[in-house]
Amino acid sequence: MKPKNKFQQQIVEASKTLPSITKEQIQWGYDNAISYVGQRTKKGKITCCKCSHSLQGMGELINTLLGCECPNCKSKLIVKTSQKRSFNDSYYMTVIDAHKGYQVVRTIMLSYTTKTSKLPEYTHSEVMQRWIAPNGKHCTFARLRQTMGTCYYDAWIFHTPLELRDENRNNKFCINVYDRINTGEIYPRQKLIPELKRTGYKNRFYRQKPLDLFRILLTDSRAETLIKAGYTKLIQRIMDSGWTLSIDNYWQSIRICIRNGYKIKDTIMWCDYVDMLRFFGKDLHNAKYVCPKDLKAEHDRYVIKKAKANARLEVEKQLEKEEEYRQAKEKFFGLMFSDGIISVRVLESVAEIIAEGKAMKHCVASYHSKADSLILTACIDGKKIETIELSLSQLRVIQSRGKCNKCTEYHSQIINLVESNISQIQERLAA
C-alpha cells in the first residue's frame, strides 16, 4: 500500500533504517517464548524436544496436567503421551523498540521442528510492526497473509516484504486482524521514546496489548495520573471494559480517591460499587460514598438494595428485554464446554441471568443490558460455582466471581477453560 499522507510517508522513510532483530533477541525467544513438548512413552519415559534429554516421569495424569521441567535445559515441558516422534509449532514474541522518534512494537513468529532424540531446527520471521508517534497516531507494517482457503488470519506469506498495510479494509467484515495477533512473550530489554518514559510506564502491560497501552498513555493524561498514583490495577480494569467508554464514568470519583489517599484493593468491586452509587443518584464527588472504609460491606449492601429495586421492576421489564437480549446474543445460545470436571455454558435469557445473580448473591443480574458482555455460568455436577463476564470486543474474561463476589478454588481453572475455548465464541461471533 502506498502512503496516503505525510505521517505515513515519514514512517515509510523511517522504516528503511530500522535495525534488524538481533541474534540475542531471537535466541531469547527460542528459550522463553516457545513451549516445548515432552514426548512420553507408555512406560513413563519423557524425552525433552528441546535438548533431547530423557528422564523418568511420574504418573501419566500428573505429568499431562502439570507438565514437568527438563533437568538438563530447565525448560517447562508440555507432556504428551504419544507414539508420535516429530513435533512442530509456532509462537509469537514481541520486541519493544524505538527508532527516529517513534515507538515500534515488533512481532516475530518463531517456529521449530524436532524429532525425538534430535535437536530442533528453528526458523523465525518478523511478521508485523506497529509504529506509534508521540501523539498516539499509528500505522502498521506487515507481511501479506494467505486469505483464501484457510480459516487462520495469521497464515503469513513469509517471502513477502514488510510493507505499509491498510488496517480498516483488510476483510469484508472490517475487522482489524492485526489487533488480534498474539503478543506472546515480550523481550525484557525495551527501548522507549522519551514521551513514553515521562508517563511513568515501567515495563508492565497490565494484560493489555502494547499498542493499546502505549496509545492511551500518549493520548490521555489520566492514564499517566493513574500510573504515577499507583492505581495500576484500575488501569487494567478500565481498559478491560474499554478505556474510552469507561474512564469518564469513574474519573471524578478516582480524583476523590487520589486526593484522600484511598487505596482501591479490589478494582472490579469498586467499579461495580460506583456504578450502583450512580444508579441511586449518590454524589460521586463525595469521599463519604466513593472512599468507603469497608468496600465489601458497602458493595454488598448496595447489591441487596439494588436487587430489591430491580425486583419491583423485574416482572414488567423482563418480557420487554427478553426479546432484545435474544436478538443480541442468540448466536451464542447452546454454547457449552467442559474439561471433564467443570462445565461452562452461556446464560440464554434475562430470567436466567437474574436468577444467577440471586443464587450467587452478586450484581450480575443487571449485566444482560451490556452489549459487549457475554455472561456464562460455571458448574460442577449442576452446582453453580462462578459466574463469568466475557468481553466480546476483546475476547477475554473480564471477571469471574463466585458466591458473594468471592473467588473459588476453581477460579484459575475456570478462566483457563473459557480462554482455551475462545475460538468457539469467535466462530459464533463471526457467523
Foldseek 3Di string as FASTA:
>chain_A
DDDDDPVVVVVVVQVVPDDDDDPVQVVVCVQPQDAWAFEAEPQQWTATQAPLDIDRHDDPVCCQVPNDADPPSRGGHNYDHDPAFKDKDKGKAWAWEDTPQKTKIWIKIKMWIGGRNDHIDIDMATAKIWTAHLQLDIWMWGADAPDPPDPDPHRGPRVGDGDTDDQQPPDPVRHRCVLVDDHTHYDQDHDDRPSQVVLLDDSDDLPHDPSVVSSCSSHPSVSSVCNVLVVSNLVSLCVQVPVVVRCVLCVLLVVLCSVVVADDPDNVLLSLQSVLCVVVVHDSNDCCRSRPPDSLVSSLVSLVVVLVVCVVCVPVCQVVCFVVLCVLCVLQAPDWDDPVFKIKGFDNGLVSQNVVCVVQSHNSSPVSPPSQWTKMFIDGPPHTAWIWIAGNVNLATSDIAGRSRHADPCNVVVRVRSSVCSVVVVVSVVD
